[in-house]
Amino acid sequence: MVALVPGLVYPIISLVQWSETSKLILEWDPWGVPDDYECEVIENDAPIPKHVPQHRPGPLPVEFYNTLEAVTSHPEKDTPAGTSSESQPKE
């Protein structure tokens, strides 16, 4: 039989509680969604009453459309051999 020292009872209890809590935290998988899970999307085209706000975002700035047009209209150019973005080994 092991005698417990009065000053060690609380630290031992705290350690056991902490280990149990940490075990639960390690086992917890909050976003654990099975690979075969299927979600059904329901679209509701019913009209929204006028007194209910619709929370639609405002228009995007013109710069966005200019950048989008520039990116989509011009094919990506090949980078010359001397300007590779990969790191070069030092000699």
C-alpha atoms as a PDB file:
ATOM      1  CA  MET A   1       0.000   0.000   0.000  1.00  0.00           C
ATOM      2  CA  VAL A   2       1.344   3.385  -1.003  1.00  0.00           C
ATOM      3  CA  ALA A   3       1.010   6.284   1.396  1.00  0.00           C
ATOM      4  CA  LEU A   4       0.068   9.579  -0.243  1.00  0.00           C
ATOM      5  CA  VAL A   5       1.717  12.704   1.036  1.00  0.00           C
ATOM      6  CA  PRO A   6      -0.995  15.313   1.736  1.00  0.00           C
ATOM      7  CA  GLY A   7       0.714  17.927  -0.452  1.00  0.00           C
ATOM      8  CA  LEU A   8       0.822  15.607  -3.481  1.00  0.00           C
ATOM      9  CA  VAL A   9      -2.860  14.659  -3.683  1.00  0.00           C
ATOM     10  CA  TYR A  10      -3.968  17.790  -5.564  1.00  0.00           C
ATOM     11  CA  PRO A  11      -1.125  17.689  -8.144  1.00  0.00           C
ATOM     12  CA  ILE A  12      -1.825  14.010  -8.834  1.00  0.00           C
ATOM     13  CA  ILE A  13      -5.555  14.673  -9.310  1.00  0.00           C
ATOM     14  CA  SER A  14      -4.765  17.635 -11.577  1.00  0.00           C
ATOM     15  CA  LEU A  15      -2.370  15.527 -13.640  1.00  0.00           C
ATOM     16  CA  VAL A  16      -4.959  12.778 -14.117  1.00  0.00           C
ATOM     17  CA  GLN A  17      -7.646  15.292 -15.129  1.00  0.00           C
ATOM     18  CA  TRP A  18      -5.253  16.992 -17.563  1.00  0.00           C
ATOM     19  CA  SER A  19      -4.230  13.688 -19.133  1.00  0.00           C
ATOM     20  CA  GLU A  20      -7.871  12.670 -19.618  1.00  0.00           C
ATOM     21  CA  THR A  21      -8.701  16.062 -21.145  1.00  0.00           C
ATOM     22  CA  SER A  22      -5.689  16.001 -23.454  1.00  0.00           C
ATOM     23  CA  LYS A  23      -6.608  12.472 -24.550  1.00  0.00           C
ATOM     24  CA  LEU A  24     -10.077  13.684 -25.558  1.00  0.00           C
ATOM     25  CA  ILE A  25      -8.611  16.686 -27.379  1.00  0.00           C
ATOM     26  CA  LEU A  26      -6.244  14.462 -29.363  1.00  0.00           C
ATOM     27  CA  GLU A  27      -9.092  12.134 -30.347  1.00  0.00           C
ATOM     28  CA  TRP A  28     -11.453  14.971 -31.325  1.00  0.00           C
ATOM     29  CA  ASP A  29     -11.844  15.407 -35.081  1.00  0.00           C
ATOM     30  CA  PRO A  30     -14.138  18.422 -35.574  1.00  0.00           C
ATOM     31  CA  TRP A  31     -14.076  18.450 -39.387  1.00  0.00           C
ATOM     32  CA  GLY A  32     -13.913  14.693 -39.752  1.00  0.00           C
ATOM     33  CA  VAL A  33     -16.210  14.098 -42.706  1.00  0.00           C
ATOM     34  CA  PRO A  34     -16.246  10.621 -44.220  1.00  0.00           C
ATOM     35  CA  ASP A  35     -14.987  10.383 -47.811  1.00  0.00           C
ATOM     36  CA  ASP A  36     -18.282   8.934 -49.000  1.00  0.00           C
ATOM     37  CA  TYR A  37     -20.411  11.676 -47.380  1.00  0.00           C
ATOM     38  CA  GLU A  38     -22.804  13.345 -49.809  1.00  0.00           C
ATOM     39  CA  CYS A  39     -24.408  16.691 -49.146  1.00  0.00           C
ATOM     40  CA  GLU A  40     -27.716  17.591 -50.736  1.00  0.00           C
ATOM     41  CA  VAL A  41     -27.932  21.176 -51.966  1.00  0.00           C
ATOM     42  CA  ILE A  42     -31.441  22.586 -51.915  1.00  0.00           C
ATOM     43  CA  GLU A  43     -32.093  25.665 -54.015  1.00  0.00           C
ATOM     44  CA  ASN A  44     -35.091  27.776 -53.149  1.00  0.00           C
ATOM     45  CA  ASP A  45     -36.206  30.182 -55.865  1.00  0.00           C
ATOM     46  CA  ALA A  46     -39.103  31.561 -53.836  1.00  0.00           C
ATOM     47  CA  PRO A  47     -39.294  35.361 -53.878  1.00  0.00           C
ATOM     48  CA  ILE A  48     -37.804  37.158 -50.890  1.00  0.00           C
ATOM     49  CA  PRO A  49     -40.180  39.516 -49.061  1.00  0.00           C
ATOM     50  CA  LYS A  50     -39.294  43.197 -49.472  1.00  0.00           C
ATOM     51  CA  HIS A  51     -38.804  43.764 -45.743  1.00  0.00           C
ATOM     52  CA  VAL A  52     -36.027  41.120 -45.588  1.00  0.00           C
ATOM     53  CA  PRO A  53     -32.536  42.445 -46.439  1.00  0.00           C
ATOM     54  CA  GLN A  54     -30.822  40.484 -49.220  1.00  0.00           C
ATOM     55  CA  HIS A  55     -27.185  41.249 -48.280  1.00  0.00           C
ATOM     56  CA  ARG A  56     -25.861  41.427 -51.825  1.00  0.00           C
ATOM     57  CA  PRO A  57     -22.270  42.604 -52.222  1.00  0.00           C
ATOM     58  CA  GLY A  58     -21.541  45.803 -54.081  1.00  0.00           C
ATOM     59  CA  PRO A  59     -19.894  45.944 -57.502  1.00  0.00           C
ATOM     60  CA  LEU A  60     -16.220  45.063 -57.859  1.00  0.00           C
ATOM     61  CA  PRO A  61     -13.775  47.866 -58.699  1.00  0.00           C
ATOM     62  CA  VAL A  62     -12.825  48.477 -62.339  1.00  0.00           C
ATOM     63  CA  GLU A  63      -9.220  47.462 -61.580  1.00  0.00           C
ATOM     64  CA  PHE A  64     -10.418  43.935 -60.860  1.00  0.00           C
ATOM     65  CA  TYR A  65     -11.989  43.584 -64.291  1.00  0.00           C
ATOM     66  CA  ASN A  66      -8.927  45.126 -65.975  1.00  0.00           C
ATOM     67  CA  THR A  67      -6.622  42.651 -64.229  1.00  0.00           C
ATOM     68  CA  LEU A  68      -8.933  39.737 -64.988  1.00  0.00           C
ATOM     69  CA  GLU A  69      -9.037  40.672 -68.669  1.00  0.00           C
ATOM     70  CA  ALA A  70      -5.250  41.037 -68.806  1.00  0.00           C
ATOM     71  CA  VAL A  71      -4.699  37.640 -67.212  1.00  0.00           C
ATOM     72  CA  THR A  72      -7.246  35.767 -69.305  1.00  0.00           C
ATOM     73  CA  SER A  73      -6.515  37.389 -72.677  1.00  0.00           C
ATOM     74  CA  HIS A  74      -2.711  36.983 -72.739  1.00  0.00           C
ATOM     75  CA  PRO A  75      -1.214  33.483 -72.598  1.00  0.00           C
ATOM     76  CA  GLU A  76       1.464  32.968 -69.993  1.00  0.00           C
ATOM     77  CA  LYS A  77       4.860  33.692 -71.517  1.00  0.00           C
ATOM     78  CA  ASP A  78       7.709  31.205 -71.170  1.00  0.00           C
ATOM     79  CA  THR A  79      10.416  32.421 -68.839  1.00  0.00           C
ATOM     80  CA  PRO A  80      13.889  32.668 -70.392  1.00  0.00           C
ATOM     81  CA  ALA A  81      16.415  30.069 -69.234  1.00  0.00           C
ATOM     82  CA  GLY A  82      18.498  32.607 -67.301  1.00  0.00           C
ATOM     83  CA  THR A  83      15.603  33.951 -65.211  1.00  0.00           C
ATOM     84  CA  SER A  84      14.289  30.778 -63.645  1.00  0.00           C
ATOM     85  CA  SER A  85      12.566  31.356 -60.320  1.00  0.00           C
ATOM     86  CA  GLU A  86      14.026  28.157 -58.887  1.00  0.00           C
ATOM     87  CA  SER A  87      17.004  28.545 -56.606  1.00  0.00           C
ATOM     88  CA  GLN A  88      20.367  28.100 -58.280  1.00  0.00           C
ATOM     89  CA  PRO A  89      23.029  26.048 -56.420  1.00  0.00           C
ATOM     90  CA  LYS A  90      25.955  28.183 -55.294  1.00  0.00           C
ATOM     91  CA  GLU A  91      29.430  27.105 -56.320  1.00  0.00           C
END
